[in-house]
Amino acid sequence: MRFIVSLISVLLFVSSCGYRPSSESASNVMGNKVSTQVLISSTEPENTVIIKDAIDQAVITKFRSSLVHRRYSDTHLKIVMNSISFSPLQYDVNGYVVTYRTIITLQILRESKNSSKTYRAKGTYDFAIEPGATQISDQSRFEAIKFSSIKAIESFIAQVSAEGLISKD
């Protein structure tokens, strides 16, 4: 009998923990309609499109919100690429770089009808280059920027989700 009571107590405790997915918490902060704007970087203009696509994909998949024109949005996101860098991580026996790390820093301004807040998000991505290559190929560079941007956006999503959990409780 004690075992059954203990089992029921544990089951009730576990089931009442109140797990909520992070997308729900982030959605509470962002709203159902979101607009995005990525300011073009004078040093990396071609990468603006990569960042814009990654942001738009995150709005749809992670926030579960609709992309709309700014006029109709609950929240507007303005993204600025603050910095991007490529640092050597590993060298071969001849002293050539074989692995790089991309670091991208985004500044994201979230504006809604009642408030605005600025976030700083950082993403990194490690990648190898062809043995003996003296520089990073354009394809590797674009992929590294794309994946590090996605990680920076995931960092932003985590910040917004945490904010949603705090404001909900």
N, C-alpha and C. Protein backbone atom coordinates (compact mmCIF):
# COMPACT_ATOMS: atom_id res chain seq x y z
N MET A 1 0.82 -1.20 0.00
CA MET A 1 0.00 0.00 0.00
C MET A 1 0.86 1.26 0.00
N ARG A 2 1.92 1.25 0.81
CA ARG A 2 2.83 2.40 0.85
C ARG A 2 3.47 2.64 -0.51
N PHE A 3 3.82 1.56 -1.18
CA PHE A 3 4.44 1.66 -2.49
C PHE A 3 3.50 2.36 -3.48
N ILE A 4 2.25 1.99 -3.47
CA ILE A 4 1.26 2.57 -4.38
C ILE A 4 1.07 4.06 -4.09
N VAL A 5 1.00 4.42 -2.84
CA VAL A 5 0.85 5.83 -2.46
C VAL A 5 2.09 6.63 -2.89
N SER A 6 3.26 6.06 -2.68
CA SER A 6 4.51 6.72 -3.10
C SER A 6 4.56 6.88 -4.60
N LEU A 7 4.18 5.85 -5.32
CA LEU A 7 4.17 5.90 -6.78
C LEU A 7 3.21 6.96 -7.29
N ILE A 8 2.03 7.02 -6.72
CA ILE A 8 1.04 8.03 -7.13
C ILE A 8 1.55 9.43 -6.80
N SER A 9 2.20 9.60 -5.66
CA SER A 9 2.74 10.90 -5.28
C SER A 9 3.82 11.36 -6.26
N VAL A 10 4.71 10.45 -6.62
CA VAL A 10 5.76 10.78 -7.58
C VAL A 10 5.17 11.12 -8.94
N LEU A 11 4.21 10.36 -9.40
CA LEU A 11 3.57 10.62 -10.69
C LEU A 11 2.86 11.97 -10.70
N LEU A 12 2.18 12.30 -9.64
CA LEU A 12 1.51 13.60 -9.55
C LEU A 12 2.53 14.74 -9.55
N PHE A 13 3.62 14.56 -8.83
CA PHE A 13 4.66 15.58 -8.78
C PHE A 13 5.27 15.82 -10.15
N VAL A 14 5.63 14.75 -10.83
CA VAL A 14 6.26 14.84 -12.15
C VAL A 14 5.28 15.42 -13.17
N SER A 15 4.05 15.01 -13.13
CA SER A 15 3.09 15.48 -14.13
C SER A 15 2.68 16.93 -13.91
N SER A 16 2.89 17.44 -12.72
CA SER A 16 2.48 18.83 -12.46
C SER A 16 3.64 19.81 -12.56
N CYS A 17 4.75 19.38 -13.13
CA CYS A 17 5.91 20.27 -13.25
C CYS A 17 5.63 21.43 -14.19
N GLY A 18 4.72 21.28 -15.11
CA GLY A 18 4.35 22.38 -15.98
C GLY A 18 5.32 22.64 -17.11
N TYR A 19 5.83 21.62 -17.74
CA TYR A 19 6.73 21.81 -18.87
C TYR A 19 6.02 22.56 -19.99
N ARG A 20 6.69 23.57 -20.51
CA ARG A 20 6.21 24.29 -21.67
C ARG A 20 7.35 24.40 -22.68
N PRO A 21 7.09 24.19 -23.95
CA PRO A 21 8.16 24.33 -24.93
C PRO A 21 8.64 25.78 -25.00
N SER A 22 9.91 25.95 -25.35
CA SER A 22 10.49 27.30 -25.41
C SER A 22 9.81 28.15 -26.48
N SER A 23 9.30 27.52 -27.53
CA SER A 23 8.62 28.28 -28.58
C SER A 23 7.38 28.97 -28.03
N GLU A 24 6.72 28.34 -27.07
CA GLU A 24 5.54 28.96 -26.46
C GLU A 24 5.93 30.18 -25.64
N SER A 25 7.02 30.07 -24.89
CA SER A 25 7.50 31.19 -24.09
C SER A 25 7.95 32.34 -24.98
N ALA A 26 8.67 32.02 -26.05
CA ALA A 26 9.13 33.04 -26.98
C ALA A 26 7.96 33.69 -27.70
N SER A 27 6.97 32.89 -28.04
CA SER A 27 5.79 33.40 -28.72
C SER A 27 5.02 34.40 -27.85
N ASN A 28 5.04 34.19 -26.53
CA ASN A 28 4.39 35.14 -25.62
C ASN A 28 5.03 36.52 -25.72
N VAL A 29 6.32 36.58 -25.94
CA VAL A 29 7.03 37.84 -26.05
C VAL A 29 6.89 38.43 -27.45
N MET A 30 6.98 37.59 -28.47
CA MET A 30 7.04 38.06 -29.85
C MET A 30 5.66 38.35 -30.45
N GLY A 31 4.64 37.61 -30.07
CA GLY A 31 3.34 37.77 -30.69
C GLY A 31 3.20 36.85 -31.89
N ASN A 32 2.07 36.94 -32.57
CA ASN A 32 1.79 36.04 -33.69
C ASN A 32 2.26 36.58 -35.04
N LYS A 33 2.47 37.89 -35.13
CA LYS A 33 2.87 38.50 -36.39
C LYS A 33 4.17 39.27 -36.19
N VAL A 34 5.18 38.89 -36.97
CA VAL A 34 6.51 39.47 -36.80
C VAL A 34 7.01 39.97 -38.15
N SER A 35 7.66 41.13 -38.13
CA SER A 35 8.34 41.65 -39.32
C SER A 35 9.84 41.72 -39.02
N THR A 36 10.65 41.58 -40.05
CA THR A 36 12.10 41.60 -39.86
C THR A 36 12.75 42.57 -40.83
N GLN A 37 13.88 43.09 -40.39
CA GLN A 37 14.67 44.00 -41.22
C GLN A 37 16.13 43.76 -40.86
N VAL A 38 16.96 43.48 -41.86
CA VAL A 38 18.38 43.32 -41.64
C VAL A 38 19.08 44.49 -42.33
N LEU A 39 19.81 45.26 -41.53
CA LEU A 39 20.53 46.40 -42.10
C LEU A 39 21.76 45.89 -42.83
N ILE A 40 21.97 46.39 -44.02
CA ILE A 40 23.06 45.93 -44.88
C ILE A 40 24.39 46.41 -44.32
N SER A 41 25.30 45.49 -44.18
CA SER A 41 26.65 45.80 -43.69
C SER A 41 27.48 46.30 -44.85
N SER A 42 28.19 47.39 -44.64
CA SER A 42 29.03 47.93 -45.71
C SER A 42 30.24 47.05 -45.98
N THR A 43 30.69 46.30 -44.98
CA THR A 43 31.84 45.42 -45.17
C THR A 43 31.45 44.03 -45.67
N GLU A 44 30.22 43.59 -45.39
CA GLU A 44 29.77 42.25 -45.79
C GLU A 44 28.37 42.31 -46.41
N PRO A 45 28.17 43.07 -47.49
CA PRO A 45 26.81 43.22 -48.02
C PRO A 45 26.20 41.92 -48.55
N GLU A 46 27.01 41.03 -49.10
CA GLU A 46 26.47 39.79 -49.65
C GLU A 46 25.97 38.84 -48.57
N ASN A 47 26.44 39.01 -47.36
CA ASN A 47 26.03 38.12 -46.27
C ASN A 47 24.73 38.55 -45.61
N THR A 48 24.26 39.73 -45.92
CA THR A 48 23.01 40.22 -45.36
C THR A 48 21.85 39.30 -45.74
N VAL A 49 21.86 38.81 -46.97
CA VAL A 49 20.80 37.92 -47.44
C VAL A 49 20.81 36.61 -46.65
N ILE A 50 21.98 36.10 -46.35
CA ILE A 50 22.10 34.86 -45.58
C ILE A 50 21.48 35.06 -44.19
N ILE A 51 21.80 36.17 -43.56
CA ILE A 51 21.29 36.45 -42.21
C ILE A 51 19.79 36.68 -42.26
N LYS A 52 19.30 37.40 -43.26
CA LYS A 52 17.86 37.66 -43.40
C LYS A 52 17.09 36.35 -43.55
N ASP A 53 17.59 35.44 -44.38
CA ASP A 53 16.93 34.15 -44.56
C ASP A 53 16.92 33.34 -43.26
N ALA A 54 18.03 33.36 -42.53
CA ALA A 54 18.09 32.61 -41.28
C ALA A 54 17.12 33.19 -40.24
N ILE A 55 17.03 34.52 -40.18
CA ILE A 55 16.09 35.17 -39.25
C ILE A 55 14.65 34.81 -39.61
N ASP A 56 14.32 34.93 -40.88
CA ASP A 56 12.95 34.63 -41.32
C ASP A 56 12.58 33.17 -41.05
N GLN A 57 13.52 32.27 -41.27
CA GLN A 57 13.27 30.85 -41.00
C GLN A 57 13.04 30.63 -39.50
N ALA A 58 13.81 31.31 -38.67
CA ALA A 58 13.64 31.17 -37.22
C ALA A 58 12.30 31.71 -36.75
N VAL A 59 11.86 32.83 -37.34
CA VAL A 59 10.56 33.40 -36.96
C VAL A 59 9.45 32.39 -37.23
N ILE A 60 9.52 31.73 -38.37
CA ILE A 60 8.48 30.78 -38.75
C ILE A 60 8.57 29.49 -37.94
N THR A 61 9.77 28.93 -37.83
CA THR A 61 9.91 27.61 -37.20
C THR A 61 10.05 27.66 -35.68
N LYS A 62 10.80 28.59 -35.17
CA LYS A 62 11.08 28.62 -33.72
C LYS A 62 10.03 29.42 -32.95
N PHE A 63 9.65 30.58 -33.47
CA PHE A 63 8.66 31.40 -32.78
C PHE A 63 7.23 31.02 -33.15
N ARG A 64 7.10 30.25 -34.23
CA ARG A 64 5.79 29.85 -34.74
C ARG A 64 4.89 31.07 -34.99
N SER A 65 5.52 32.06 -35.59
CA SER A 65 4.83 33.31 -35.91
C SER A 65 4.78 33.47 -37.42
N SER A 66 3.93 34.39 -37.86
CA SER A 66 3.81 34.69 -39.29
C SER A 66 4.67 35.90 -39.63
N LEU A 67 5.30 35.85 -40.79
CA LEU A 67 6.03 37.01 -41.29
C LEU A 67 5.05 37.93 -41.99
N VAL A 68 5.03 39.18 -41.57
CA VAL A 68 4.11 40.15 -42.15
C VAL A 68 4.84 41.46 -42.39
N HIS A 69 4.17 42.36 -43.10
CA HIS A 69 4.71 43.70 -43.30
C HIS A 69 4.77 44.40 -41.95
N ARG A 70 5.72 45.29 -41.80
CA ARG A 70 5.92 45.97 -40.52
C ARG A 70 4.65 46.64 -40.00
N ARG A 71 3.86 47.19 -40.88
CA ARG A 71 2.64 47.90 -40.50
C ARG A 71 1.66 46.99 -39.73
N TYR A 72 1.65 45.70 -40.05
CA TYR A 72 0.70 44.77 -39.45
C TYR A 72 1.30 43.91 -38.34
N SER A 73 2.54 44.14 -37.98
CA SER A 73 3.22 43.24 -37.05
C SER A 73 2.97 43.60 -35.59
N ASP A 74 3.02 42.55 -34.75
CA ASP A 74 3.00 42.73 -33.31
C ASP A 74 4.40 43.12 -32.83
N THR A 75 5.41 42.56 -33.50
CA THR A 75 6.81 42.79 -33.15
C THR A 75 7.62 42.99 -34.41
N HIS A 76 8.56 43.94 -34.35
CA HIS A 76 9.48 44.18 -35.46
C HIS A 76 10.89 43.91 -34.97
N LEU A 77 11.65 43.14 -35.73
CA LEU A 77 13.03 42.83 -35.40
C LEU A 77 13.95 43.56 -36.37
N LYS A 78 14.86 44.36 -35.83
CA LYS A 78 15.85 45.05 -36.65
C LYS A 78 17.21 44.46 -36.29
N ILE A 79 17.87 43.86 -37.29
CA ILE A 79 19.11 43.12 -37.05
C ILE A 79 20.27 43.84 -37.71
N VAL A 80 21.34 43.99 -36.94
CA VAL A 80 22.58 44.59 -37.44
C VAL A 80 23.70 43.61 -37.19
N MET A 81 24.51 43.35 -38.20
CA MET A 81 25.67 42.50 -38.02
C MET A 81 26.79 43.39 -37.47
N ASN A 82 27.08 43.21 -36.18
CA ASN A 82 28.12 44.03 -35.55
C ASN A 82 29.51 43.63 -35.99
N SER A 83 29.78 42.33 -35.99
CA SER A 83 31.13 41.89 -36.37
C SER A 83 31.09 40.47 -36.89
N ILE A 84 32.09 40.18 -37.70
CA ILE A 84 32.30 38.83 -38.19
C ILE A 84 33.80 38.62 -38.28
N SER A 85 34.25 37.47 -37.79
CA SER A 85 35.69 37.21 -37.84
C SER A 85 35.95 35.74 -38.11
N PHE A 86 37.10 35.49 -38.69
CA PHE A 86 37.58 34.14 -38.96
C PHE A 86 38.91 33.98 -38.24
N SER A 87 38.99 33.03 -37.33
CA SER A 87 40.21 32.81 -36.56
C SER A 87 40.73 31.41 -36.82
N PRO A 88 42.06 31.27 -37.03
CA PRO A 88 42.62 29.93 -37.21
C PRO A 88 42.54 29.14 -35.91
N LEU A 89 42.16 27.86 -36.02
CA LEU A 89 42.07 26.99 -34.85
C LEU A 89 43.13 25.91 -34.83
N GLN A 90 43.44 25.38 -36.02
CA GLN A 90 44.34 24.24 -36.08
C GLN A 90 45.24 24.37 -37.30
N TYR A 91 46.50 23.96 -37.13
CA TYR A 91 47.49 24.01 -38.21
C TYR A 91 47.97 22.60 -38.53
N ASP A 92 48.39 22.37 -39.78
CA ASP A 92 48.97 21.08 -40.12
C ASP A 92 50.47 21.09 -39.82
N VAL A 93 51.18 20.02 -40.15
CA VAL A 93 52.61 19.91 -39.82
C VAL A 93 53.46 20.94 -40.57
N ASN A 94 52.96 21.44 -41.70
CA ASN A 94 53.69 22.43 -42.48
C ASN A 94 53.37 23.87 -42.07
N GLY A 95 52.49 24.03 -41.11
CA GLY A 95 52.16 25.37 -40.63
C GLY A 95 50.98 26.02 -41.33
N TYR A 96 50.29 25.26 -42.21
CA TYR A 96 49.11 25.80 -42.88
C TYR A 96 47.87 25.64 -42.00
N VAL A 97 47.00 26.61 -42.06
CA VAL A 97 45.76 26.53 -41.30
C VAL A 97 44.86 25.49 -41.95
N VAL A 98 44.29 24.58 -41.13
CA VAL A 98 43.39 23.56 -41.66
C VAL A 98 41.98 23.69 -41.07
N THR A 99 41.85 24.41 -39.95
CA THR A 99 40.54 24.60 -39.33
C THR A 99 40.40 26.04 -38.87
N TYR A 100 39.25 26.61 -39.17
CA TYR A 100 38.93 27.99 -38.77
C TYR A 100 37.69 28.01 -37.89
N ARG A 101 37.55 29.08 -37.13
CA ARG A 101 36.33 29.35 -36.36
C ARG A 101 35.78 30.70 -36.85
N THR A 102 34.50 30.68 -37.19
CA THR A 102 33.79 31.90 -37.55
C THR A 102 33.03 32.38 -36.33
N ILE A 103 33.16 33.66 -36.04
CA ILE A 103 32.42 34.26 -34.93
C ILE A 103 31.64 35.43 -35.50
N ILE A 104 30.33 35.41 -35.29
CA ILE A 104 29.48 36.50 -35.75
C ILE A 104 28.73 37.06 -34.55
N THR A 105 28.63 38.38 -34.50
CA THR A 105 27.90 39.04 -33.43
C THR A 105 26.80 39.88 -34.06
N LEU A 106 25.57 39.64 -33.62
CA LEU A 106 24.41 40.37 -34.12
C LEU A 106 23.84 41.24 -33.01
N GLN A 107 23.37 42.40 -33.38
CA GLN A 107 22.61 43.24 -32.47
C GLN A 107 21.18 43.22 -32.98
N ILE A 108 20.24 42.84 -32.13
CA ILE A 108 18.85 42.70 -32.54
C ILE A 108 17.99 43.61 -31.68
N LEU A 109 17.30 44.52 -32.34
CA LEU A 109 16.37 45.41 -31.65
C LEU A 109 14.98 44.86 -31.85
N ARG A 110 14.31 44.55 -30.73
CA ARG A 110 12.93 44.04 -30.77
C ARG A 110 12.01 45.18 -30.36
N GLU A 111 11.16 45.58 -31.30
CA GLU A 111 10.21 46.66 -31.03
C GLU A 111 8.79 46.13 -31.10
N SER A 112 8.02 46.42 -30.08
CA SER A 112 6.59 46.11 -30.10
C SER A 112 5.85 47.38 -29.74
N LYS A 113 4.55 47.30 -29.70
CA LYS A 113 3.74 48.50 -29.45
C LYS A 113 4.05 49.14 -28.10
N ASN A 114 4.35 48.33 -27.09
CA ASN A 114 4.55 48.85 -25.74
C ASN A 114 5.99 48.93 -25.28
N SER A 115 6.89 48.30 -25.99
CA SER A 115 8.26 48.27 -25.50
C SER A 115 9.26 48.04 -26.63
N SER A 116 10.51 48.26 -26.29
CA SER A 116 11.59 47.89 -27.20
C SER A 116 12.77 47.45 -26.34
N LYS A 117 13.53 46.52 -26.89
CA LYS A 117 14.66 45.98 -26.16
C LYS A 117 15.73 45.57 -27.16
N THR A 118 16.98 45.77 -26.78
CA THR A 118 18.10 45.40 -27.63
C THR A 118 18.78 44.17 -27.07
N TYR A 119 19.09 43.23 -27.95
CA TYR A 119 19.75 41.98 -27.58
C TYR A 119 21.08 41.91 -28.33
N ARG A 120 22.01 41.21 -27.74
CA ARG A 120 23.28 40.93 -28.39
C ARG A 120 23.38 39.42 -28.49
N ALA A 121 23.57 38.92 -29.69
CA ALA A 121 23.63 37.47 -29.90
C ALA A 121 24.92 37.13 -30.64
N LYS A 122 25.56 36.07 -30.17
CA LYS A 122 26.84 35.65 -30.74
C LYS A 122 26.73 34.20 -31.17
N GLY A 123 27.27 33.90 -32.34
CA GLY A 123 27.27 32.53 -32.84
C GLY A 123 28.64 32.17 -33.39
N THR A 124 29.02 30.91 -33.19
CA THR A 124 30.31 30.43 -33.70
C THR A 124 30.10 29.19 -34.55
N TYR A 125 31.03 28.97 -35.45
CA TYR A 125 30.99 27.77 -36.29
C TYR A 125 32.42 27.41 -36.66
N ASP A 126 32.81 26.17 -36.44
CA ASP A 126 34.15 25.68 -36.78
C ASP A 126 34.06 24.87 -38.07
N PHE A 127 35.07 25.07 -38.94
CA PHE A 127 35.06 24.34 -40.21
C PHE A 127 36.49 24.11 -40.69
N ALA A 128 36.65 23.04 -41.47
CA ALA A 128 37.94 22.70 -42.06
C ALA A 128 38.01 23.21 -43.49
N ILE A 129 39.21 23.52 -43.93
CA ILE A 129 39.41 23.91 -45.33
C ILE A 129 40.23 22.83 -46.02
N GLU A 130 40.31 22.94 -47.33
CA GLU A 130 41.06 21.96 -48.12
C GLU A 130 42.53 21.96 -47.70
N PRO A 131 43.14 20.77 -47.58
CA PRO A 131 44.56 20.72 -47.22
C PRO A 131 45.40 21.48 -48.25
N GLY A 132 46.30 22.31 -47.76
CA GLY A 132 47.19 23.07 -48.64
C GLY A 132 46.58 24.35 -49.17
N ALA A 133 45.32 24.61 -48.92
CA ALA A 133 44.70 25.85 -49.38
C ALA A 133 45.26 27.03 -48.57
N THR A 134 45.48 28.13 -49.25
CA THR A 134 46.04 29.29 -48.56
C THR A 134 44.97 30.28 -48.11
N GLN A 135 43.74 30.08 -48.58
CA GLN A 135 42.66 30.95 -48.14
C GLN A 135 41.33 30.18 -48.14
N ILE A 136 40.34 30.79 -47.52
CA ILE A 136 39.02 30.18 -47.39
C ILE A 136 38.27 30.37 -48.70
N SER A 137 37.67 29.30 -49.21
CA SER A 137 36.88 29.41 -50.45
C SER A 137 35.60 30.19 -50.16
N ASP A 138 35.03 30.79 -51.21
CA ASP A 138 33.78 31.54 -51.05
C ASP A 138 32.66 30.66 -50.52
N GLN A 139 32.58 29.42 -51.01
CA GLN A 139 31.54 28.49 -50.56
C GLN A 139 31.67 28.20 -49.07
N SER A 140 32.90 27.92 -48.62
CA SER A 140 33.13 27.65 -47.19
C SER A 140 32.81 28.89 -46.35
N ARG A 141 33.16 30.05 -46.86
CA ARG A 141 32.91 31.30 -46.15
C ARG A 141 31.41 31.53 -45.98
N PHE A 142 30.64 31.37 -47.07
CA PHE A 142 29.20 31.58 -47.00
C PHE A 142 28.54 30.58 -46.04
N GLU A 143 28.95 29.32 -46.12
CA GLU A 143 28.39 28.31 -45.22
C GLU A 143 28.72 28.62 -43.76
N ALA A 144 29.95 29.04 -43.52
CA ALA A 144 30.36 29.37 -42.15
C ALA A 144 29.55 30.55 -41.61
N ILE A 145 29.32 31.55 -42.44
CA ILE A 145 28.52 32.70 -42.02
C ILE A 145 27.08 32.28 -41.77
N LYS A 146 26.56 31.43 -42.64
CA LYS A 146 25.18 30.96 -42.47
C LYS A 146 25.02 30.21 -41.16
N PHE A 147 25.90 29.24 -40.89
CA PHE A 147 25.75 28.42 -39.70
C PHE A 147 26.04 29.20 -38.42
N SER A 148 27.00 30.12 -38.46
CA SER A 148 27.25 30.92 -37.26
C SER A 148 26.11 31.91 -37.03
N SER A 149 25.47 32.39 -38.11
CA SER A 149 24.30 33.25 -37.96
C SER A 149 23.14 32.49 -37.33
N ILE A 150 22.95 31.26 -37.76
CA ILE A 150 21.88 30.43 -37.19
C ILE A 150 22.12 30.22 -35.69
N LYS A 151 23.36 30.00 -35.31
CA LYS A 151 23.67 29.83 -33.88
C LYS A 151 23.45 31.13 -33.11
N ALA A 152 23.77 32.26 -33.72
CA ALA A 152 23.52 33.55 -33.06
C ALA A 152 22.02 33.76 -32.88
N ILE A 153 21.25 33.39 -33.88
CA ILE A 153 19.79 33.54 -33.80
C ILE A 153 19.23 32.60 -32.73
N GLU A 154 19.79 31.39 -32.62
CA GLU A 154 19.37 30.47 -31.56
C GLU A 154 19.67 31.06 -30.19
N SER A 155 20.77 31.78 -30.07
CA SER A 155 21.09 32.48 -28.82
C SER A 155 20.04 33.54 -28.52
N PHE A 156 19.63 34.28 -29.54
CA PHE A 156 18.58 35.29 -29.39
C PHE A 156 17.27 34.62 -28.96
N ILE A 157 16.94 33.50 -29.58
CA ILE A 157 15.71 32.77 -29.24
C ILE A 157 15.74 32.34 -27.78
N ALA A 158 16.88 31.88 -27.31
CA ALA A 158 17.00 31.47 -25.91
C ALA A 158 16.78 32.66 -24.98
N GLN A 159 17.30 33.82 -25.36
CA GLN A 159 17.11 35.01 -24.54
C GLN A 159 15.63 35.40 -24.48
N VAL A 160 14.97 35.36 -25.63
CA VAL A 160 13.54 35.74 -25.69
C VAL A 160 12.70 34.70 -24.94
N SER A 161 13.04 33.42 -25.07
CA SER A 161 12.30 32.37 -24.36
C SER A 161 12.42 32.54 -22.85
N ALA A 162 13.61 32.84 -22.39
CA ALA A 162 13.81 33.07 -20.95
C ALA A 162 13.01 34.27 -20.49
N GLU A 163 12.98 35.30 -21.29
CA GLU A 163 12.21 36.49 -20.98
C GLU A 163 10.71 36.16 -20.90
N GLY A 164 10.25 35.31 -21.81
CA GLY A 164 8.85 34.88 -21.82
C GLY A 164 8.50 34.06 -20.60
N LEU A 165 9.42 33.22 -20.14
CA LEU A 165 9.17 32.43 -18.93
C LEU A 165 9.09 33.32 -17.70
N ILE A 166 9.97 34.30 -17.63
CA ILE A 166 9.97 35.20 -16.48
C ILE A 166 8.72 36.06 -16.43
N SER A 167 8.31 36.58 -17.59
CA SER A 167 7.14 37.46 -17.61
C SER A 167 5.84 36.69 -17.40
N LYS A 168 5.82 35.40 -17.74
CA LYS A 168 4.61 34.58 -17.60
C LYS A 168 4.38 34.17 -16.14
N ASP A 169 5.48 33.91 -15.42
CA ASP A 169 5.35 33.43 -14.04
C ASP A 169 5.12 34.54 -13.05
